[in-house]
Every structure is written in C-alpha cells, then in structure tokens.
Amino acid sequence: MAKVVVMDHPLIQHKIGIMRRTETGSKDFRTLVSEVAMLECYEATRDLELIDVEIETPICRTTVKELKGKKLAVVPILRAGLGMVEGMLEMIPAAKVGHIGLYRDPETAEPIEYYCKLPADCANREVFVVDPMLATGGSAVAALDMLKGKGVKNIRFMCIIAAPEGVKRLTEEHPDVDLFIGALDEHLNEKKYIVPGLGDAGDRIFGTK
C-alpha cells in the first residue's frame, strides 16, 4: 500500500503560508516553490539505499556512506511542475529530467496528453513525479499510467498542496506509489480548485492568467 507523507516541517509550512497569500508575486512564488521542493526532496529521499565505500581523507583511510548507485529521474508534469525541478536538482544534481505534458479539459476536468519525453533508461531509474497541485488526481494518475506504460516501476509522487479527493484517487489507482505532500487542504470547490489552496500554481509561477 502506498505511503502518504504529509510534511510537518516548520520551514515547509512557513513557506507554503507565504505562497498562499494573494499579494505574493511571481518572483517570490517561484522561489518558494523551488525551496519547498528542495525541502520535500530531502524527506522523499530518506530511504534511498547506501553502501560502504573506502576512501582516503587528508588524515587516514576510512569508510564512508554513498548512495548505492541508484539512478534517479525527476519528471515534472507541465507546466507547473517545472517550478519544482530546480529545487529537486539542488538536492539530487545527477538526476536526469523528463517531461510529461498534460492539461485539464475545462469542461470535464480530465487530463489530456500533449507531450512526453523521458530519459532513455527511465525504466531503470527511481522516478520522482512532481506537480505543485494534486486536485482531482486526474493529471497525476494519467502521468503515472504513462510512466508505467513505458516500463517504469519505481515511482514517487511529490506535490506542494493536495486535496483529499486527489489523494484518494491516486492511492486507489496507484497503491504502489508513495506520495509526499507539503500541505493537505480541505476539499475541492465546484470548479475543482483546492480550498483554501493558493490559486492556479502555473499562472502564479509564470505570471500568466
């Protein structure tokens, strides 16, 4: 069964609080998205495997811990997911980056695919799918379906704000994907926006309407 982790770190909660404010402009919003992604990445990678490696320090030989050669990839759901990539790469700079393009049909609220470009060896990597918002769960589920269809087996999903409806759908349809959430909000409104939420993350990251 999927592990669902809602972050309780004070820095994450503080930064999300600033992101929610109407008066927070695009420049600061982009910075905060990247910073929260970096802090979440720290938690989402907590159980990566380590191996012992013998090295030479300036003083003597010793044994240290290193990641067990596991290849990583970050896959943002376009376009808002792009805002989380820089923060992720600050923590795991050797990770490859793929892209999945989906948009939400304004009538049905269901996702429609328009782009998919992944690392050639993505099926052999631990993949972190990132999107600031998990609302209905439609885009997240569609992205995970696409990745699994291409042979990817090890996937973690990261978002900044989630609605209970999206968490329910994602965990029911992909019970093998661990979910990392910055803040779990109350519900979706009649327009399928998260309440209290922070508005349209893509518009606020890129300064569009």
Protein backbone atom coordinates (compact mmCIF):
# COMPACT_ATOMS: atom_id res chain seq x y z
CA MET A 1 0.00 0.00 0.00
CA ALA A 2 1.20 3.50 -0.81
CA LYS A 3 2.89 5.54 1.89
CA VAL A 4 1.32 9.00 2.27
CA VAL A 5 3.58 11.54 3.97
CA VAL A 6 2.25 15.00 4.86
CA MET A 7 5.15 17.27 5.75
CA ASP A 8 5.18 18.83 9.20
CA HIS A 9 8.50 20.67 8.98
CA PRO A 10 8.18 24.28 10.19
CA LEU A 11 10.12 25.69 7.23
CA ILE A 12 7.84 23.97 4.72
CA GLN A 13 4.71 25.18 6.50
CA HIS A 14 6.06 28.73 6.78
CA LYS A 15 6.94 28.92 3.09
CA ILE A 16 3.61 27.46 1.99
CA GLY A 17 1.86 30.08 4.14
CA ILE A 18 3.62 32.85 2.20
CA MET A 19 2.81 31.14 -1.12
CA ARG A 20 -0.91 31.16 -0.29
CA ARG A 21 -1.06 34.95 0.05
CA THR A 22 -2.67 36.83 -2.82
CA GLU A 23 -0.04 39.58 -2.59
CA THR A 24 2.91 37.19 -3.14
CA GLY A 25 4.23 38.00 -6.63
CA SER A 26 5.54 35.61 -9.27
CA LYS A 27 9.23 36.12 -8.46
CA ASP A 28 8.80 35.23 -4.79
CA PHE A 29 6.30 32.50 -5.62
CA ARG A 30 8.78 30.79 -7.99
CA THR A 31 11.50 30.95 -5.36
CA LEU A 32 9.22 29.46 -2.70
CA VAL A 33 8.07 26.61 -4.97
CA SER A 34 11.71 25.71 -5.61
CA GLU A 35 12.63 25.92 -1.93
CA VAL A 36 9.68 23.79 -0.79
CA ALA A 37 10.52 21.22 -3.47
CA MET A 38 14.08 21.05 -2.16
CA LEU A 39 12.91 20.54 1.42
CA GLU A 40 10.39 17.89 0.36
CA CYS A 41 13.07 16.13 -1.68
CA TYR A 42 15.12 15.78 1.49
CA GLU A 43 12.26 13.81 3.07
CA ALA A 44 11.29 11.88 -0.07
CA THR A 45 14.83 10.50 -0.46
CA ARG A 46 15.20 9.47 3.18
CA ASP A 47 15.07 5.73 2.45
CA LEU A 48 17.45 5.59 -0.52
CA GLU A 49 19.89 2.74 -0.06
CA LEU A 50 23.52 3.34 0.95
CA ILE A 51 26.70 1.33 0.59
CA ASP A 52 30.06 1.46 2.39
CA VAL A 53 32.94 2.92 0.37
CA GLU A 54 36.56 3.08 1.48
CA ILE A 55 38.22 6.46 0.86
CA GLU A 56 41.34 8.43 1.77
CA THR A 57 40.86 11.56 3.88
CA PRO A 58 43.71 14.07 4.45
CA ILE A 59 44.32 12.20 7.72
CA CYS A 60 43.80 8.48 7.03
CA ARG A 61 41.79 5.84 5.20
CA THR A 62 38.22 5.38 6.38
CA THR A 63 34.83 4.02 5.34
CA VAL A 64 32.01 6.37 4.36
CA LYS A 65 28.45 6.03 3.09
CA GLU A 66 27.42 6.69 -0.51
CA LEU A 67 24.23 6.17 -2.46
CA LYS A 68 24.02 2.64 -3.77
CA GLY A 69 24.41 3.62 -7.41
CA LYS A 70 20.65 4.04 -7.85
CA LYS A 71 19.82 6.16 -10.87
CA LEU A 72 17.27 8.91 -10.26
CA ALA A 73 14.99 10.96 -12.51
CA VAL A 74 12.74 13.96 -11.96
CA VAL A 75 9.64 14.15 -14.15
CA PRO A 76 7.58 17.36 -13.85
CA ILE A 77 4.01 17.48 -15.09
CA LEU A 78 3.96 20.51 -17.39
CA ARG A 79 3.72 23.29 -16.92
CA ALA A 80 3.52 23.99 -13.19
CA GLY A 81 5.76 21.05 -12.32
CA LEU A 82 8.68 22.86 -13.93
CA GLY A 83 8.74 25.15 -10.91
CA MET A 84 9.82 22.26 -8.67
CA VAL A 85 12.66 20.94 -10.84
CA GLU A 86 15.41 23.36 -9.81
CA GLY A 87 14.85 22.67 -6.12
CA MET A 88 14.93 18.92 -6.74
CA LEU A 89 18.18 19.17 -8.70
CA GLU A 90 19.78 21.17 -5.90
CA MET A 91 19.43 18.03 -3.79
CA ILE A 92 19.99 15.33 -6.46
CA PRO A 93 22.06 17.08 -9.18
CA ALA A 94 22.92 13.86 -11.05
CA ALA A 95 19.25 13.07 -11.74
CA LYS A 96 18.00 13.07 -15.33
CA VAL A 97 14.91 15.14 -16.16
CA GLY A 98 11.92 14.04 -18.24
CA HIS A 99 8.74 15.94 -19.07
CA ILE A 100 5.07 14.99 -19.27
CA GLY A 101 2.65 17.49 -20.79
CA LEU A 102 -0.97 17.36 -19.66
CA TYR A 103 -3.71 19.95 -19.50
CA ARG A 104 -7.10 19.81 -17.81
CA ASP A 105 -10.16 19.93 -20.03
CA PRO A 106 -12.18 22.92 -18.74
CA GLU A 107 -15.48 21.04 -19.20
CA THR A 108 -14.70 17.56 -17.90
CA ALA A 109 -11.66 18.41 -15.67
CA GLU A 110 -10.00 15.29 -17.13
CA PRO A 111 -6.35 15.39 -18.30
CA ILE A 112 -5.38 15.46 -21.97
CA GLU A 113 -1.82 14.47 -23.01
CA TYR A 114 0.12 16.67 -25.39
CA TYR A 115 3.80 15.82 -24.68
CA CYS A 116 6.01 13.10 -23.21
CA LYS A 117 9.82 13.00 -23.30
CA LEU A 118 11.68 10.76 -20.85
CA PRO A 119 15.30 9.66 -20.32
CA ALA A 120 16.07 6.61 -22.48
CA ASP A 121 16.77 4.48 -19.40
CA CYS A 122 13.84 5.82 -17.37
CA ALA A 123 12.54 2.30 -16.70
CA ASN A 124 15.72 1.62 -14.71
CA ARG A 125 15.50 4.75 -12.59
CA GLU A 126 13.80 5.79 -9.37
CA VAL A 127 11.41 8.43 -10.72
CA PHE A 128 10.12 11.44 -8.79
CA VAL A 129 7.00 12.85 -10.46
CA VAL A 130 6.45 16.46 -9.38
CA ASP A 131 3.47 18.81 -9.65
CA PRO A 132 2.69 21.62 -7.18
CA MET A 133 -1.03 20.78 -7.01
CA LEU A 134 -2.86 17.47 -6.55
CA ALA A 135 -6.52 18.42 -7.03
CA THR A 136 -8.78 15.83 -8.65
CA GLY A 137 -5.83 13.50 -9.16
CA GLY A 138 -6.59 13.16 -12.87
CA SER A 139 -3.30 14.53 -14.18
CA ALA A 140 -1.25 12.65 -11.59
CA VAL A 141 -2.95 9.34 -12.36
CA ALA A 142 -2.56 9.91 -16.11
CA ALA A 143 1.16 10.69 -15.70
CA LEU A 144 1.71 7.58 -13.59
CA ASP A 145 -0.20 5.49 -16.16
CA MET A 146 2.10 6.82 -18.90
CA LEU A 147 5.25 6.07 -16.92
CA LYS A 148 4.16 2.55 -16.04
CA GLY A 149 3.22 2.00 -19.67
CA LYS A 150 6.85 2.72 -20.53
CA GLY A 151 8.14 0.19 -18.02
CA VAL A 152 8.87 2.46 -15.04
CA LYS A 153 8.38 0.54 -11.80
CA ASN A 154 9.82 2.71 -9.02
CA ILE A 155 7.86 5.96 -8.74
CA ARG A 156 7.30 8.56 -6.04
CA PHE A 157 4.87 11.47 -6.40
CA MET A 158 5.56 14.87 -4.84
CA CYS A 159 3.23 17.87 -4.58
CA ILE A 160 3.08 21.03 -2.50
CA ILE A 161 -0.70 21.25 -1.95
CA ALA A 162 -3.16 18.33 -2.12
CA ALA A 163 -6.91 17.87 -1.78
CA PRO A 164 -8.27 14.73 -0.06
CA GLU A 165 -10.11 13.82 -3.29
CA GLY A 166 -6.84 13.70 -5.24
CA VAL A 167 -5.03 11.72 -2.56
CA LYS A 168 -7.85 9.18 -2.50
CA ARG A 169 -7.87 8.70 -6.26
CA LEU A 170 -4.10 8.47 -6.62
CA THR A 171 -3.64 5.97 -3.79
CA GLU A 172 -6.55 3.84 -5.01
CA GLU A 173 -5.39 3.69 -8.64
CA HIS A 174 -1.65 3.51 -7.89
CA PRO A 175 -1.27 1.87 -4.48
CA ASP A 176 2.43 1.18 -5.14
CA VAL A 177 3.38 4.88 -5.49
CA ASP A 178 4.43 6.73 -2.34
CA LEU A 179 3.02 10.24 -2.02
CA PHE A 180 4.76 13.23 -0.43
CA ILE A 181 2.62 16.30 0.33
CA GLY A 182 3.60 19.75 1.59
CA ALA A 183 0.12 20.53 2.94
CA LEU A 184 -3.17 18.60 2.84
CA ASP A 185 -6.06 21.03 2.32
CA GLU A 186 -9.80 20.77 2.98
CA HIS A 187 -11.61 19.95 -0.27
CA LEU A 188 -12.25 20.89 -3.91
CA ASN A 189 -14.77 23.59 -4.81
CA GLU A 190 -17.31 23.40 -7.62
CA LYS A 191 -14.63 24.49 -10.13
CA LYS A 192 -12.27 21.71 -8.95
CA TYR A 193 -9.88 24.15 -7.29
CA ILE A 194 -8.28 23.25 -3.97
CA VAL A 195 -9.68 25.07 -0.91
CA PRO A 196 -8.08 27.08 0.65
CA GLY A 197 -5.30 26.34 -1.87
CA LEU A 198 -3.21 29.04 -3.47
CA GLY A 199 -4.87 29.61 -6.84
CA ASP A 200 -3.50 28.37 -10.17
CA ALA A 201 0.11 27.40 -9.50
CA GLY A 202 1.14 27.61 -13.16
CA ASP A 203 -0.24 31.13 -13.54
CA ARG A 204 1.45 32.26 -10.34
CA ILE A 205 4.81 30.69 -11.24
CA PHE A 206 4.92 32.15 -14.75
CA GLY A 207 2.95 35.37 -14.23
CA THR A 208 0.14 34.43 -16.62
CA LYS A 209 -3.63 34.43 -16.28
